[in-house]
Amino acid sequence: MKFLFTLIFAICCFTYSFGQVNANFDASPKQGCVPLVVNFTNLSSGTGSLTYLWDFGNGNTATIQTPSVNYVNPGVYTVTLIVSNGTSTDTEIKTGFITVYALPDANFAGVAPLSGCPPFNVMFNDSSIQGDGNISQWQWDFGDASPYSVSQNTSHTYSLIGNYTVSLQVTDEHGCKDDTTFQSYVNVANPPVIQFAADNTTFCSVPSSVNFTNNTTGTETITYLW
């Protein structure tokens, strides 16, 4: 009788041990800026032929052992892994396991006028909108090979004639970046050369009529005030 009990106990323990599975996983990175590619590591254990069902919390699922997922929307995601060997099933749920941060939205405006003669100074004001973190860094490119400015709001003096493209890149506390570029945003031109002539510069009586000829030249639209 004792032998029979021992045999039954051993069979039960063997069956339980053979059928047991343990679901577990990790991921890298667990947080980052959108879009975020996450590589999952399957740490599950068990005997027999294991099957896997992943739910990544973003509407996507997978049945492979070690998937990679591209999170294309900001948010906090709960990930679930179900492991089975046909005899036993185990589920691992990790709440708020993946955090995807929204990007800031870079934008700026120059203070008019944006056209003038060298040396021409322009003020630039940052109007960027933060994402999921406070904006902490600014980098201005004024388009004339001068050093970057890292101030939030800045000014720049253009010394040479030309059309200049201006760019701003912003970075937030999570390391998320965005940039914007305005093509040919600043126009620096040579001043017009003012010249005119009169057909009569000497007369003895008044009133007298004088005809003026405007010989002013320039590369931009010119207005006149006599």
C-alpha atoms as a PDB file:
ATOM      1  CA  MET A   1       0.000   0.000   0.000  1.00  0.00           C
ATOM      2  CA  LYS A   2       2.854   2.330   0.872  1.00  0.00           C
ATOM      3  CA  PHE A   3       4.534   1.523  -2.438  1.00  0.00           C
ATOM      4  CA  LEU A   4       1.335   2.282  -4.360  1.00  0.00           C
ATOM      5  CA  PHE A   5       0.933   5.642  -2.612  1.00  0.00           C
ATOM      6  CA  THR A   6       4.554   6.556  -3.321  1.00  0.00           C
ATOM      7  CA  LEU A   7       4.140   5.611  -6.979  1.00  0.00           C
ATOM      8  CA  ILE A   8       0.967   7.686  -7.362  1.00  0.00           C
ATOM      9  CA  PHE A   9       2.635  10.662  -5.653  1.00  0.00           C
ATOM     10  CA  ALA A  10       5.674  10.392  -7.917  1.00  0.00           C
ATOM     11  CA  ILE A  11       3.516  10.205 -11.041  1.00  0.00           C
ATOM     12  CA  CYS A  12       1.523  13.266  -9.951  1.00  0.00           C
ATOM     13  CA  CYS A  13       4.687  15.249  -9.189  1.00  0.00           C
ATOM     14  CA  PHE A  14       6.213  14.255 -12.544  1.00  0.00           C
ATOM     15  CA  THR A  15       3.060  15.265 -14.385  1.00  0.00           C
ATOM     16  CA  TYR A  16       2.916  18.607 -12.559  1.00  0.00           C
ATOM     17  CA  SER A  17       6.599  19.298 -13.160  1.00  0.00           C
ATOM     18  CA  PHE A  18       6.372  18.365 -16.823  1.00  0.00           C
ATOM     19  CA  GLY A  19       3.325  20.545 -17.406  1.00  0.00           C
ATOM     20  CA  GLN A  20       4.485  23.682 -15.604  1.00  0.00           C
ATOM     21  CA  VAL A  21       5.340  26.858 -17.595  1.00  0.00           C
ATOM     22  CA  ASN A  22       6.379  30.304 -16.433  1.00  0.00           C
ATOM     23  CA  ALA A  23       5.728  33.408 -18.564  1.00  0.00           C
ATOM     24  CA  ASN A  24       8.173  36.282 -18.270  1.00  0.00           C
ATOM     25  CA  PHE A  25       9.756  38.902 -20.526  1.00  0.00           C
ATOM     26  CA  ASP A  26      11.773  42.089 -20.672  1.00  0.00           C
ATOM     27  CA  ALA A  27      12.155  44.852 -23.270  1.00  0.00           C
ATOM     28  CA  SER A  28      14.601  47.465 -24.475  1.00  0.00           C
ATOM     29  CA  PRO A  29      14.115  50.362 -24.583  1.00  0.00           C
ATOM     30  CA  LYS A  30      11.162  50.719 -22.228  1.00  0.00           C
ATOM     31  CA  GLN A  31      10.722  54.413 -22.938  1.00  0.00           C
ATOM     32  CA  GLY A  32      11.557  56.852 -25.699  1.00  0.00           C
ATOM     33  CA  CYS A  33      10.296  59.263 -28.308  1.00  0.00           C
ATOM     34  CA  VAL A  34       7.711  58.450 -30.940  1.00  0.00           C
ATOM     35  CA  PRO A  35       8.152  56.468 -33.157  1.00  0.00           C
ATOM     36  CA  LEU A  36       9.751  53.948 -30.765  1.00  0.00           C
ATOM     37  CA  VAL A  37      10.995  50.507 -31.827  1.00  0.00           C
ATOM     38  CA  VAL A  38      11.003  48.124 -28.850  1.00  0.00           C
ATOM     39  CA  ASN A  39      12.801  44.768 -28.836  1.00  0.00           C
ATOM     40  CA  PHE A  40      11.241  42.207 -26.510  1.00  0.00           C
ATOM     41  CA  THR A  41      13.244  39.449 -24.808  1.00  0.00           C
ATOM     42  CA  ASN A  42      11.310  36.298 -23.941  1.00  0.00           C
ATOM     43  CA  LEU A  43      12.386  35.013 -20.510  1.00  0.00           C
ATOM     44  CA  SER A  44       9.703  32.333 -20.268  1.00  0.00           C
ATOM     45  CA  SER A  45      10.526  28.799 -19.183  1.00  0.00           C
ATOM     46  CA  GLY A  46       8.788  25.460 -19.370  1.00  0.00           C
ATOM     47  CA  THR A  47       8.919  21.973 -20.788  1.00  0.00           C
ATOM     48  CA  GLY A  48       7.505  20.727 -24.023  1.00  0.00           C
ATOM     49  CA  SER A  49       6.731  22.748 -27.116  1.00  0.00           C
ATOM     50  CA  LEU A  50       5.888  26.274 -26.008  1.00  0.00           C
ATOM     51  CA  THR A  51       3.568  28.642 -27.835  1.00  0.00           C
ATOM     52  CA  TYR A  52       3.418  32.385 -27.282  1.00  0.00           C
ATOM     53  CA  LEU A  53       0.772  35.055 -27.631  1.00  0.00           C
ATOM     54  CA  TRP A  54       1.844  38.661 -27.211  1.00  0.00           C
ATOM     55  CA  ASP A  55      -0.424  41.674 -26.788  1.00  0.00           C
ATOM     56  CA  PHE A  56       1.555  44.915 -26.993  1.00  0.00           C
ATOM     57  CA  GLY A  57      -1.229  47.222 -25.863  1.00  0.00           C
ATOM     58  CA  ASN A  58      -1.310  49.164 -29.132  1.00  0.00           C
ATOM     59  CA  GLY A  59      -3.699  46.909 -31.024  1.00  0.00           C
ATOM     60  CA  ASN A  60      -0.935  44.628 -32.319  1.00  0.00           C
ATOM     61  CA  THR A  61      -0.264  41.018 -31.350  1.00  0.00           C
ATOM     62  CA  ALA A  62       2.381  38.425 -32.211  1.00  0.00           C
ATOM     63  CA  THR A  63       3.001  34.698 -31.776  1.00  0.00           C
ATOM     64  CA  ILE A  64       6.773  34.564 -32.278  1.00  0.00           C
ATOM     65  CA  GLN A  65       9.199  34.067 -29.410  1.00  0.00           C
ATOM     66  CA  THR A  66      11.133  37.364 -29.525  1.00  0.00           C
ATOM     67  CA  PRO A  67       9.251  40.113 -31.384  1.00  0.00           C
ATOM     68  CA  SER A  68      10.080  43.739 -32.126  1.00  0.00           C
ATOM     69  CA  VAL A  69       7.325  46.345 -32.163  1.00  0.00           C
ATOM     70  CA  ASN A  70       7.148  49.874 -33.568  1.00  0.00           C
ATOM     71  CA  TYR A  71       5.025  52.155 -31.379  1.00  0.00           C
ATOM     72  CA  VAL A  72       3.869  54.996 -33.645  1.00  0.00           C
ATOM     73  CA  ASN A  73       1.630  56.851 -31.188  1.00  0.00           C
ATOM     74  CA  PRO A  74       2.514  58.468 -27.857  1.00  0.00           C
ATOM     75  CA  GLY A  75       1.155  56.800 -24.746  1.00  0.00           C
ATOM     76  CA  VAL A  76       1.709  54.352 -21.908  1.00  0.00           C
ATOM     77  CA  TYR A  77       1.274  50.708 -22.918  1.00  0.00           C
ATOM     78  CA  THR A  78       0.544  47.529 -20.969  1.00  0.00           C
ATOM     79  CA  VAL A  79       2.123  44.386 -22.439  1.00  0.00           C
ATOM     80  CA  THR A  80       0.797  40.846 -21.960  1.00  0.00           C
ATOM     81  CA  LEU A  81       2.451  37.508 -22.740  1.00  0.00           C
ATOM     82  CA  ILE A  82       0.581  34.186 -22.607  1.00  0.00           C
ATOM     83  CA  VAL A  83       2.718  31.030 -22.709  1.00  0.00           C
ATOM     84  CA  SER A  84       1.357  27.502 -23.131  1.00  0.00           C
ATOM     85  CA  ASN A  85       2.692  24.005 -23.730  1.00  0.00           C
ATOM     86  CA  GLY A  86      -0.701  22.415 -24.303  1.00  0.00           C
ATOM     87  CA  THR A  87      -0.907  21.180 -20.717  1.00  0.00           C
ATOM     88  CA  SER A  88      -0.305  24.351 -18.738  1.00  0.00           C
ATOM     89  CA  THR A  89      -0.750  28.056 -19.449  1.00  0.00           C
ATOM     90  CA  ASP A  90       0.749  31.067 -17.709  1.00  0.00           C
ATOM     91  CA  THR A  91       0.131  34.782 -18.251  1.00  0.00           C
ATOM     92  CA  GLU A  92       2.454  37.688 -17.500  1.00  0.00           C
ATOM     93  CA  ILE A  93       0.963  41.196 -17.526  1.00  0.00           C
ATOM     94  CA  LYS A  94       3.201  44.241 -17.122  1.00  0.00           C
ATOM     95  CA  THR A  95       1.113  47.350 -16.617  1.00  0.00           C
ATOM     96  CA  GLY A  96       2.440  50.629 -18.006  1.00  0.00           C
ATOM     97  CA  PHE A  97       5.522  48.781 -19.232  1.00  0.00           C
ATOM     98  CA  ILE A  98       6.252  50.924 -22.313  1.00  0.00           C
ATOM     99  CA  THR A  99       6.175  54.733 -22.338  1.00  0.00           C
ATOM    100  CA  VAL A 100       6.253  56.590 -25.663  1.00  0.00           C
ATOM    101  CA  TYR A 101       6.708  60.352 -25.515  1.00  0.00           C
ATOM    102  CA  ALA A 102       5.154  62.862 -27.920  1.00  0.00           C
ATOM    103  CA  LEU A 103       7.566  65.084 -29.820  1.00  0.00           C
ATOM    104  CA  PRO A 104       7.691  68.846 -29.379  1.00  0.00           C
ATOM    105  CA  ASP A 105       6.464  70.945 -32.305  1.00  0.00           C
ATOM    106  CA  ALA A 106       9.172  73.382 -33.427  1.00  0.00           C
ATOM    107  CA  ASN A 107       8.099  76.775 -34.744  1.00  0.00           C
ATOM    108  CA  PHE A 108       9.309  80.375 -34.785  1.00  0.00           C
ATOM    109  CA  ALA A 109       8.672  83.795 -36.248  1.00  0.00           C
ATOM    110  CA  GLY A 110      10.984  86.581 -37.286  1.00  0.00           C
ATOM    111  CA  VAL A 111      10.119  90.127 -36.307  1.00  0.00           C
ATOM    112  CA  ALA A 112       9.369  92.218 -39.411  1.00  0.00           C
ATOM    113  CA  PRO A 113      10.970  93.540 -41.494  1.00  0.00           C
ATOM    114  CA  LEU A 114      12.636  90.433 -42.880  1.00  0.00           C
ATOM    115  CA  SER A 115      14.222  92.285 -45.795  1.00  0.00           C
ATOM    116  CA  GLY A 116      16.870  94.963 -45.578  1.00  0.00           C
ATOM    117  CA  CYS A 117      20.373  96.127 -46.386  1.00  0.00           C
ATOM    118  CA  PRO A 118      23.590  94.873 -44.781  1.00  0.00           C
ATOM    119  CA  PRO A 119      24.380  94.935 -41.952  1.00  0.00           C
ATOM    120  CA  PHE A 120      20.830  93.711 -41.344  1.00  0.00           C
ATOM    121  CA  ASN A 121      19.701  92.619 -37.870  1.00  0.00           C
ATOM    122  CA  VAL A 122      16.703  90.311 -37.453  1.00  0.00           C
ATOM    123  CA  MET A 123      14.960  89.258 -34.230  1.00  0.00           C
ATOM    124  CA  PHE A 124      13.680  85.665 -33.992  1.00  0.00           C
ATOM    125  CA  ASN A 125      11.079  84.505 -31.457  1.00  0.00           C
ATOM    126  CA  ASP A 126      10.545  80.857 -30.539  1.00  0.00           C
ATOM    127  CA  SER A 127       6.903  79.738 -30.679  1.00  0.00           C
ATOM    128  CA  SER A 128       7.447  75.987 -30.319  1.00  0.00           C
ATOM    129  CA  ILE A 129       4.894  73.808 -28.530  1.00  0.00           C
ATOM    130  CA  GLN A 130       6.105  71.228 -26.034  1.00  0.00           C
ATOM    131  CA  GLY A 131       5.228  67.540 -26.327  1.00  0.00           C
ATOM    132  CA  ASP A 132       5.321  65.331 -23.222  1.00  0.00           C
ATOM    133  CA  GLY A 133       8.284  67.180 -21.754  1.00  0.00           C
ATOM    134  CA  ASN A 134       9.465  70.730 -21.263  1.00  0.00           C
ATOM    135  CA  ILE A 135      11.641  72.098 -24.057  1.00  0.00           C
ATOM    136  CA  SER A 136      15.145  72.527 -22.684  1.00  0.00           C
ATOM    137  CA  GLN A 137      17.372  73.168 -25.721  1.00  0.00           C
ATOM    138  CA  TRP A 138      17.199  75.388 -28.797  1.00  0.00           C
ATOM    139  CA  GLN A 139      19.524  75.450 -31.800  1.00  0.00           C
ATOM    140  CA  TRP A 140      19.199  78.148 -34.445  1.00  0.00           C
ATOM    141  CA  ASP A 141      20.798  77.921 -37.890  1.00  0.00           C
ATOM    142  CA  PHE A 142      20.700  81.284 -39.662  1.00  0.00           C
ATOM    143  CA  GLY A 143      21.736  79.926 -43.055  1.00  0.00           C
ATOM    144  CA  ASP A 144      24.914  81.974 -43.448  1.00  0.00           C
ATOM    145  CA  ALA A 145      27.465  79.515 -41.985  1.00  0.00           C
ATOM    146  CA  SER A 146      27.661  81.509 -38.755  1.00  0.00           C
ATOM    147  CA  PRO A 147      27.784  79.727 -35.361  1.00  0.00           C
ATOM    148  CA  TYR A 148      24.524  78.340 -33.996  1.00  0.00           C
ATOM    149  CA  SER A 149      22.597  80.253 -31.378  1.00  0.00           C
ATOM    150  CA  VAL A 150      21.298  78.256 -28.410  1.00  0.00           C
ATOM    151  CA  SER A 151      19.054  80.925 -26.893  1.00  0.00           C
ATOM    152  CA  GLN A 152      15.296  80.470 -26.874  1.00  0.00           C
ATOM    153  CA  ASN A 153      14.780  83.862 -28.511  1.00  0.00           C
ATOM    154  CA  THR A 154      17.636  85.399 -30.428  1.00  0.00           C
ATOM    155  CA  SER A 155      18.801  87.961 -32.959  1.00  0.00           C
ATOM    156  CA  HIS A 156      21.258  87.764 -35.812  1.00  0.00           C
ATOM    157  CA  THR A 157      23.055  90.273 -38.009  1.00  0.00           C
ATOM    158  CA  TYR A 158      23.526  89.426 -41.684  1.00  0.00           C
ATOM    159  CA  SER A 159      26.616  91.024 -43.209  1.00  0.00           C
ATOM    160  CA  LEU A 160      26.359  89.809 -46.804  1.00  0.00           C
ATOM    161  CA  ILE A 161      23.649  90.087 -49.418  1.00  0.00           C
ATOM    162  CA  GLY A 162      21.583  86.982 -50.175  1.00  0.00           C
ATOM    163  CA  ASN A 163      18.450  84.997 -49.402  1.00  0.00           C
ATOM    164  CA  TYR A 164      18.804  83.043 -46.171  1.00  0.00           C
ATOM    165  CA  THR A 165      17.050  79.881 -45.013  1.00  0.00           C
ATOM    166  CA  VAL A 166      16.525  79.763 -41.239  1.00  0.00           C
ATOM    167  CA  SER A 167      16.086  76.591 -39.155  1.00  0.00           C
ATOM    168  CA  LEU A 168      15.240  75.874 -35.522  1.00  0.00           C
ATOM    169  CA  GLN A 169      15.692  72.552 -33.723  1.00  0.00           C
ATOM    170  CA  VAL A 170      14.233  72.060 -30.234  1.00  0.00           C
ATOM    171  CA  THR A 171      14.913  69.270 -27.743  1.00  0.00           C
ATOM    172  CA  ASP A 172      12.866  68.459 -24.641  1.00  0.00           C
ATOM    173  CA  GLU A 173      13.786  66.941 -21.278  1.00  0.00           C
ATOM    174  CA  HIS A 174      13.195  63.399 -22.628  1.00  0.00           C
ATOM    175  CA  GLY A 175      15.594  63.950 -25.525  1.00  0.00           C
ATOM    176  CA  CYS A 176      12.771  64.215 -28.061  1.00  0.00           C
ATOM    177  CA  LYS A 177      13.587  66.534 -30.975  1.00  0.00           C
ATOM    178  CA  ASP A 178      11.771  68.401 -33.710  1.00  0.00           C
ATOM    179  CA  ASP A 179      12.898  70.972 -36.238  1.00  0.00           C
ATOM    180  CA  THR A 180      11.400  73.385 -38.704  1.00  0.00           C
ATOM    181  CA  THR A 181      12.904  75.245 -41.655  1.00  0.00           C
ATOM    182  CA  PHE A 182      11.719  78.346 -43.504  1.00  0.00           C
ATOM    183  CA  GLN A 183      13.220  78.618 -46.972  1.00  0.00           C
ATOM    184  CA  SER A 184      14.538  82.020 -48.165  1.00  0.00           C
ATOM    185  CA  TYR A 185      13.152  83.561 -44.989  1.00  0.00           C
ATOM    186  CA  VAL A 186      15.480  86.570 -44.789  1.00  0.00           C
ATOM    187  CA  ASN A 187      16.397  88.720 -47.783  1.00  0.00           C
ATOM    188  CA  VAL A 188      19.461  90.950 -47.575  1.00  0.00           C
ATOM    189  CA  ALA A 189      20.066  93.182 -50.602  1.00  0.00           C
ATOM    190  CA  ASN A 190      22.371  96.001 -51.607  1.00  0.00           C
ATOM    191  CA  PRO A 191      20.904  99.467 -51.064  1.00  0.00           C
ATOM    192  CA  PRO A 192      19.797 101.286 -54.213  1.00  0.00           C
ATOM    193  CA  VAL A 193      22.180 103.719 -55.875  1.00  0.00           C
ATOM    194  CA  ILE A 194      20.375 107.059 -55.906  1.00  0.00           C
ATOM    195  CA  GLN A 195      20.927 109.163 -59.020  1.00  0.00           C
ATOM    196  CA  PHE A 196      18.869 111.804 -60.761  1.00  0.00           C
ATOM    197  CA  ALA A 197      19.291 114.671 -63.198  1.00  0.00           C
ATOM    198  CA  ALA A 198      17.477 117.897 -63.988  1.00  0.00           C
ATOM    199  CA  ASP A 199      17.112 119.595 -67.381  1.00  0.00           C
ATOM    200  CA  ASN A 200      17.288 123.059 -65.936  1.00  0.00           C
ATOM    201  CA  THR A 201      19.227 123.911 -62.830  1.00  0.00           C
ATOM    202  CA  THR A 202      19.590 127.646 -63.418  1.00  0.00           C
ATOM    203  CA  PHE A 203      16.806 130.091 -64.181  1.00  0.00           C
ATOM    204  CA  CYS A 204      16.214 133.801 -63.779  1.00  0.00           C
ATOM    205  CA  SER A 205      12.512 134.020 -63.225  1.00  0.00           C
ATOM    206  CA  VAL A 206       9.878 132.243 -61.194  1.00  0.00           C
ATOM    207  CA  PRO A 207       7.828 130.295 -61.550  1.00  0.00           C
ATOM    208  CA  SER A 208       9.971 128.077 -63.734  1.00  0.00           C
ATOM    209  CA  SER A 209       9.572 124.472 -64.823  1.00  0.00           C
ATOM    210  CA  VAL A 210      12.219 121.809 -64.145  1.00  0.00           C
ATOM    211  CA  ASN A 211      12.073 118.241 -65.428  1.00  0.00           C
ATOM    212  CA  PHE A 212      13.779 115.615 -63.265  1.00  0.00           C
ATOM    213  CA  THR A 213      15.021 112.245 -64.543  1.00  0.00           C
ATOM    214  CA  ASN A 214      15.331 109.434 -62.000  1.00  0.00           C
ATOM    215  CA  ASN A 215      18.407 107.279 -62.718  1.00  0.00           C
ATOM    216  CA  THR A 216      18.312 105.319 -59.454  1.00  0.00           C
ATOM    217  CA  THR A 217      19.322 101.647 -59.748  1.00  0.00           C
ATOM    218  CA  GLY A 218      18.810  98.687 -57.437  1.00  0.00           C
ATOM    219  CA  THR A 219      18.119  94.962 -57.343  1.00  0.00           C
ATOM    220  CA  GLU A 220      14.886  95.142 -55.356  1.00  0.00           C
ATOM    221  CA  THR A 221      11.573  96.926 -55.707  1.00  0.00           C
ATOM    222  CA  ILE A 222      12.232 100.642 -55.202  1.00  0.00           C
ATOM    223  CA  THR A 223       9.819 103.259 -53.906  1.00  0.00           C
ATOM    224  CA  TYR A 224      10.401 106.981 -54.302  1.00  0.00           C
ATOM    225  CA  LEU A 225       9.702 110.072 -52.252  1.00  0.00           C
ATOM    226  CA  TRP A 226      10.650 113.421 -53.819  1.00  0.00           C
END
